[in-house]
C-alpha atoms as a PDB file:
ATOM      1  CA  MET A   1      18.968 -91.580   0.134  1.00  0.00           C
ATOM      2  CA  THR A   2      15.478 -93.102  -0.017  1.00  0.00           C
ATOM      3  CA  VAL A   3      13.159 -92.317  -2.897  1.00  0.00           C
ATOM      4  CA  ILE A   4       9.423 -92.714  -2.359  1.00  0.00           C
ATOM      5  CA  LEU A   5       7.511 -93.255  -5.563  1.00  0.00           C
ATOM      6  CA  GLY A   6       3.940 -92.068  -5.605  1.00  0.00           C
ATOM      7  CA  PRO A   7       1.087 -93.471  -7.659  1.00  0.00           C
ATOM      8  CA  PRO A   8       1.307 -92.702 -11.387  1.00  0.00           C
ATOM      9  CA  VAL A   9      -0.427 -89.726 -12.963  1.00  0.00           C
ATOM     10  CA  VAL A  10      -2.677 -90.820 -15.854  1.00  0.00           C
ATOM     11  CA  LYS A  11      -4.068 -88.514 -18.542  1.00  0.00           C
ATOM     12  CA  TRP A  12      -7.375 -89.811 -19.946  1.00  0.00           C
ATOM     13  CA  SER A  13      -9.224 -88.932 -23.150  1.00  0.00           C
ATOM     14  CA  CYS A  14     -12.219 -90.107 -25.160  1.00  0.00           C
ATOM     15  CA  PRO A  15     -12.077 -90.768 -28.921  1.00  0.00           C
ATOM     16  CA  ASN A  16     -15.808 -89.973 -29.294  1.00  0.00           C
ATOM     17  CA  CYS A  17     -15.990 -86.602 -27.531  1.00  0.00           C
ATOM     18  CA  THR A  18     -13.746 -83.838 -26.167  1.00  0.00           C
ATOM     19  CA  GLU A  19     -13.779 -85.059 -22.541  1.00  0.00           C
ATOM     20  CA  TYR A  20     -10.423 -85.415 -20.784  1.00  0.00           C
ATOM     21  CA  ALA A  21      -9.268 -86.015 -17.208  1.00  0.00           C
ATOM     22  CA  VAL A  22      -6.106 -86.358 -15.158  1.00  0.00           C
ATOM     23  CA  THR A  23      -6.038 -88.811 -12.238  1.00  0.00           C
ATOM     24  CA  ILE A  24      -3.499 -90.118  -9.773  1.00  0.00           C
ATOM     25  CA  GLY A  25      -3.323 -93.872  -9.234  1.00  0.00           C
ATOM     26  CA  GLN A  26      -6.679 -94.666 -10.848  1.00  0.00           C
ATOM     27  CA  ALA A  27      -6.800 -97.873 -12.933  1.00  0.00           C
ATOM     28  CA  ASN A  28      -9.799 -96.922 -15.092  1.00  0.00           C
ATOM     29  CA  ARG A  29     -12.102 -94.017 -15.782  1.00  0.00           C
ATOM     30  CA  PHE A  30     -15.676 -93.756 -17.088  1.00  0.00           C
ATOM     31  CA  HIS A  31     -17.648 -90.664 -18.105  1.00  0.00           C
ATOM     32  CA  THR A  32     -20.952 -89.574 -19.607  1.00  0.00           C
ATOM     33  CA  CYS A  33     -20.052 -89.454 -23.293  1.00  0.00           C
ATOM     34  CA  TRP A  34     -22.020 -86.985 -25.399  1.00  0.00           C
ATOM     35  CA  GLY A  35     -20.435 -88.467 -28.514  1.00  0.00           C
ATOM     36  CA  LEU A  36     -22.237 -91.729 -27.644  1.00  0.00           C
ATOM     37  CA  ALA A  37     -25.614 -90.085 -26.933  1.00  0.00           C
ATOM     38  CA  GLY A  38     -25.080 -89.686 -23.181  1.00  0.00           C
ATOM     39  CA  LEU A  39     -24.063 -93.251 -22.308  1.00  0.00           C
ATOM     40  CA  THR A  40     -21.554 -94.041 -19.584  1.00  0.00           C
ATOM     41  CA  ALA A  41     -18.444 -95.064 -21.513  1.00  0.00           C
ATOM     42  CA  PRO A  42     -14.791 -95.720 -20.698  1.00  0.00           C
ATOM     43  CA  MET A  43     -12.028 -93.200 -21.144  1.00  0.00           C
ATOM     44  CA  VAL A  44      -8.618 -94.410 -22.329  1.00  0.00           C
ATOM     45  CA  PRO A  45      -5.094 -93.255 -21.557  1.00  0.00           C
ATOM     46  CA  ALA A  46      -4.388 -90.253 -23.762  1.00  0.00           C
ATOM     47  CA  GLY A  47      -2.710 -91.183 -27.035  1.00  0.00           C
ATOM     48  CA  THR A  48      -4.069 -94.739 -27.092  1.00  0.00           C
ATOM     49  CA  ARG A  49      -5.491 -95.833 -30.444  1.00  0.00           C
ATOM     50  CA  VAL A  50      -8.934 -97.285 -29.781  1.00  0.00           C
ATOM     51  CA  LYS A  51     -12.393 -97.560 -31.265  1.00  0.00           C
ATOM     52  CA  ILE A  52     -15.387 -97.336 -28.900  1.00  0.00           C
ATOM     53  CA  GLU A  53     -18.712 -98.523 -30.321  1.00  0.00           C
ATOM     54  CA  VAL A  54     -22.244 -98.871 -29.000  1.00  0.00           C
ATOM     55  CA  ARG A  55     -24.020-102.179 -29.608  1.00  0.00           C
ATOM     56  CA  GLU A  56     -27.801-101.880 -29.800  1.00  0.00           C
ATOM     57  CA  ARG A  57     -30.044-104.551 -28.332  1.00  0.00           C
ATOM     58  CA  GLU A  58     -31.306-106.773 -31.107  1.00  0.00           C
ATOM     59  CA  ASP A  59     -33.603-108.969 -29.044  1.00  0.00           C
ATOM     60  CA  TYR A  60     -37.192-108.443 -27.891  1.00  0.00           C
ATOM     61  CA  ILE A  61     -37.392-106.053 -24.941  1.00  0.00           C
ATOM     62  CA  GLY A  62     -40.953-106.682 -23.759  1.00  0.00           C
ATOM     63  CA  THR A  63     -41.404-105.401 -20.191  1.00  0.00           C
ATOM     64  CA  GLU A  64     -37.703-105.393 -19.253  1.00  0.00           C
ATOM     65  CA  ASP A  65     -36.108-102.196 -17.932  1.00  0.00           C
ATOM     66  CA  VAL A  66     -33.204-101.683 -20.320  1.00  0.00           C
ATOM     67  CA  GLN A  67     -30.692 -98.870 -20.821  1.00  0.00           C
ATOM     68  CA  TYR A  68     -31.581 -96.394 -23.569  1.00  0.00           C
ATOM     69  CA  ASP A  69     -29.203 -93.892 -25.117  1.00  0.00           C
ATOM     70  CA  GLY A  70     -30.067 -90.211 -25.508  1.00  0.00           C
ATOM     71  CA  ASN A  71     -31.682 -90.953 -28.874  1.00  0.00           C
ATOM     72  CA  GLY A  72     -34.145 -93.478 -27.418  1.00  0.00           C
ATOM     73  CA  ARG A  73     -32.390 -96.594 -28.773  1.00  0.00           C
ATOM     74  CA  PRO A  74     -32.029 -99.623 -26.458  1.00  0.00           C
ATOM     75  CA  VAL A  75     -28.373-100.365 -25.740  1.00  0.00           C
ATOM     76  CA  MET A  76     -26.780-103.751 -25.016  1.00  0.00           C
ATOM     77  CA  SER A  77     -23.121-102.791 -24.512  1.00  0.00           C
ATOM     78  CA  VAL A  78     -20.213-100.474 -25.258  1.00  0.00           C
ATOM     79  CA  VAL A  79     -17.211-102.240 -26.827  1.00  0.00           C
ATOM     80  CA  THR A  80     -13.680-100.819 -26.701  1.00  0.00           C
ATOM     81  CA  THR A  81     -11.360-102.266 -29.361  1.00  0.00           C
ATOM     82  CA  ARG A  82      -7.591-101.790 -29.067  1.00  0.00           C
ATOM     83  CA  ASP A  83      -4.703-103.278 -31.041  1.00  0.00           C
ATOM     84  CA  ASP A  84      -4.196-105.920 -28.337  1.00  0.00           C
ATOM     85  CA  GLY A  85      -7.818-106.880 -27.568  1.00  0.00           C
ATOM     86  CA  GLN A  86     -11.324-105.789 -26.584  1.00  0.00           C
ATOM     87  CA  ASP A  87     -13.164-104.720 -23.448  1.00  0.00           C
ATOM     88  CA  CYS A  88     -16.931-104.667 -23.082  1.00  0.00           C
ATOM     89  CA  ALA A  89     -19.183-102.745 -20.678  1.00  0.00           C
ATOM     90  CA  VAL A  90     -22.565-104.516 -20.596  1.00  0.00           C
ATOM     91  CA  TYR A  91     -25.849-102.787 -19.771  1.00  0.00           C
ATOM     92  CA  ALA A  92     -27.858-105.643 -18.273  1.00  0.00           C
ATOM     93  CA  PRO A  93     -31.630-105.250 -17.770  1.00  0.00           C
ATOM     94  CA  THR A  94     -32.668-104.094 -14.304  1.00  0.00           C
ATOM     95  CA  ALA A  95     -34.020-106.759 -11.983  1.00  0.00           C
ATOM     96  CA  HIS A  96     -37.231-106.207 -10.017  1.00  0.00           C
ATOM     97  CA  VAL A  97     -38.463-107.738  -6.791  1.00  0.00           C
ATOM     98  CA  VAL A  98     -42.052-108.920  -6.914  1.00  0.00           C
ATOM     99  CA  ARG A  99     -43.712-108.994  -3.531  1.00  0.00           C
ATOM    100  CA  SER A 100     -46.534-111.468  -3.181  1.00  0.00           C
ATOM    101  CA  GLU A 101     -49.370-110.910  -0.758  1.00  0.00           C
ATOM    102  CA  GLY A 102     -50.384-113.748   1.503  1.00  0.00           C
END
């Protein structure tokens, strides 16, 4: 008898809000987190002990287009800390194309 194994079912949750999801064969999951003022943040497999924090930009913004959270604060990154390491989602400034005449 042959057994065909399908992709794994993963239950996701967020430690900063009540959002949850169930996926099949998906390696990661992001969502709009209202616990982090509307930023796009990672979800983690349900039951995982993690801490997800927002890091504000501490440098001069000037005329750069940066990501702001729902409270109007400029955001540099979202850091996920687990027992075995860290992950970081970086919000880089948006690049612009300048067209010169001539």
